[in-house]
């Protein structure tokens, strides 16, 4: 009887999810960088 460990598989799934979240965060920052810059600039001017 062969017993297979699923620890490696679970770890790989967590790594894949983390990679997808990181890619989504980078893409969001790239697309929203102009809006973020203008908001921070407005805040800086009002201070």
N, C-alpha and C. Protein backbone atom coordinates (compact mmCIF):
# COMPACT_ATOMS: atom_id res chain seq x y z
N UNK A 1 0.84 -1.19 0.00
CA UNK A 1 0.00 0.00 0.00
C UNK A 1 0.89 1.25 0.00
N UNK A 2 0.63 2.13 -0.93
CA UNK A 2 1.41 3.36 -1.06
C UNK A 2 0.60 4.52 -0.49
N UNK A 3 1.21 5.26 0.43
CA UNK A 3 0.56 6.42 1.03
C UNK A 3 1.22 7.66 0.45
N UNK A 4 0.42 8.50 -0.16
CA UNK A 4 0.96 9.72 -0.77
C UNK A 4 0.74 10.91 0.15
N UNK A 5 1.76 11.72 0.25
CA UNK A 5 1.66 12.94 1.06
C UNK A 5 1.11 14.07 0.21
N UNK A 6 0.18 14.82 0.77
CA UNK A 6 -0.41 15.94 0.03
C UNK A 6 0.11 17.29 0.53
N UNK A 7 1.13 17.27 1.37
CA UNK A 7 1.67 18.52 1.89
C UNK A 7 2.27 19.37 0.78
N UNK A 8 3.02 18.74 -0.12
CA UNK A 8 3.64 19.47 -1.22
C UNK A 8 2.61 20.09 -2.14
N UNK A 9 1.53 19.37 -2.37
CA UNK A 9 0.48 19.87 -3.24
C UNK A 9 -0.19 21.10 -2.61
N UNK A 10 -0.48 21.05 -1.34
CA UNK A 10 -1.10 22.20 -0.66
C UNK A 10 -0.18 23.40 -0.66
N UNK A 11 1.11 23.17 -0.46
CA UNK A 11 2.08 24.25 -0.46
C UNK A 11 2.15 24.90 -1.84
N UNK A 12 2.11 24.09 -2.88
CA UNK A 12 2.16 24.61 -4.24
C UNK A 12 0.91 25.45 -4.54
N UNK A 13 -0.23 25.02 -4.05
CA UNK A 13 -1.46 25.78 -4.26
C UNK A 13 -1.40 27.13 -3.55
N UNK A 14 -0.88 27.15 -2.32
CA UNK A 14 -0.74 28.42 -1.61
C UNK A 14 0.24 29.33 -2.33
N UNK A 15 1.32 28.78 -2.85
CA UNK A 15 2.30 29.59 -3.58
C UNK A 15 1.68 30.16 -4.85
N UNK A 16 0.87 29.38 -5.54
CA UNK A 16 0.21 29.86 -6.75
C UNK A 16 -0.78 30.97 -6.44
N UNK A 17 -1.54 30.83 -5.38
CA UNK A 17 -2.49 31.87 -4.98
C UNK A 17 -1.75 33.14 -4.60
N UNK A 18 -0.66 33.01 -3.86
CA UNK A 18 0.14 34.18 -3.48
C UNK A 18 0.70 34.89 -4.70
N UNK A 19 1.17 34.11 -5.68
CA UNK A 19 1.71 34.71 -6.90
C UNK A 19 0.62 35.45 -7.66
N UNK A 20 -0.57 34.88 -7.75
CA UNK A 20 -1.67 35.56 -8.45
C UNK A 20 -2.08 36.85 -7.75
N UNK A 21 -2.09 36.83 -6.42
CA UNK A 21 -2.43 38.05 -5.67
C UNK A 21 -1.36 39.12 -5.89
N UNK A 22 -0.10 38.71 -5.90
CA UNK A 22 0.99 39.68 -6.12
C UNK A 22 0.89 40.29 -7.52
N UNK A 23 0.59 39.48 -8.52
CA UNK A 23 0.45 39.99 -9.89
C UNK A 23 -0.72 40.95 -9.97
N UNK A 24 -1.83 40.62 -9.33
CA UNK A 24 -3.00 41.49 -9.34
C UNK A 24 -2.69 42.82 -8.65
N UNK A 25 -1.94 42.78 -7.56
CA UNK A 25 -1.59 44.01 -6.84
C UNK A 25 -0.69 44.90 -7.70
N UNK A 26 0.27 44.30 -8.38
CA UNK A 26 1.17 45.09 -9.24
C UNK A 26 0.39 45.71 -10.39
N UNK A 27 -0.50 44.93 -11.00
CA UNK A 27 -1.30 45.48 -12.11
C UNK A 27 -2.21 46.60 -11.63
N UNK A 28 -2.79 46.45 -10.45
CA UNK A 28 -3.66 47.50 -9.91
C UNK A 28 -2.85 48.77 -9.66
N UNK A 29 -1.65 48.63 -9.13
CA UNK A 29 -0.81 49.81 -8.89
C UNK A 29 -0.42 50.48 -10.20
N UNK A 30 -0.14 49.68 -11.23
CA UNK A 30 0.22 50.26 -12.52
C UNK A 30 -0.94 51.05 -13.12
N UNK A 31 -2.15 50.49 -13.05
CA UNK A 31 -3.29 51.16 -13.64
C UNK A 31 -3.77 52.35 -12.82
N UNK A 32 -3.58 52.31 -11.52
CA UNK A 32 -4.08 53.37 -10.66
C UNK A 32 -3.01 54.37 -10.23
N UNK A 33 -1.81 54.25 -10.78
CA UNK A 33 -0.71 55.11 -10.33
C UNK A 33 -1.01 56.58 -10.58
N UNK A 34 -1.64 56.91 -11.69
CA UNK A 34 -1.97 58.31 -11.96
C UNK A 34 -2.94 58.88 -10.95
N UNK A 35 -3.96 58.12 -10.62
CA UNK A 35 -4.96 58.57 -9.65
C UNK A 35 -4.34 58.70 -8.27
N UNK A 36 -3.51 57.74 -7.90
CA UNK A 36 -2.87 57.78 -6.59
C UNK A 36 -1.94 58.99 -6.49
N UNK A 37 -1.20 59.25 -7.56
CA UNK A 37 -0.28 60.39 -7.57
C UNK A 37 -1.04 61.70 -7.41
N UNK A 38 -2.15 61.85 -8.13
CA UNK A 38 -2.90 63.10 -8.04
C UNK A 38 -3.53 63.28 -6.65
N UNK A 39 -4.01 62.20 -6.06
CA UNK A 39 -4.60 62.29 -4.72
C UNK A 39 -3.54 62.67 -3.69
N UNK A 40 -2.39 62.03 -3.76
CA UNK A 40 -1.31 62.36 -2.81
C UNK A 40 -0.80 63.78 -3.02
N UNK A 41 -0.78 64.21 -4.26
CA UNK A 41 -0.34 65.59 -4.54
C UNK A 41 -1.33 66.59 -3.97
N UNK A 42 -2.62 66.31 -4.12
CA UNK A 42 -3.66 67.18 -3.58
C UNK A 42 -3.57 67.26 -2.06
N UNK A 43 -3.32 66.12 -1.44
CA UNK A 43 -3.17 66.09 0.02
C UNK A 43 -1.95 66.89 0.46
N UNK A 44 -0.85 66.73 -0.28
CA UNK A 44 0.36 67.47 0.05
C UNK A 44 0.18 68.97 -0.09
N UNK A 45 -0.55 69.41 -1.10
CA UNK A 45 -0.78 70.84 -1.30
C UNK A 45 -1.68 71.42 -0.23
N UNK A 46 -2.64 70.61 0.24
CA UNK A 46 -3.57 71.13 1.25
C UNK A 46 -2.93 71.21 2.64
N UNK A 47 -1.85 70.48 2.85
CA UNK A 47 -1.16 70.57 4.14
C UNK A 47 -0.30 71.80 4.14
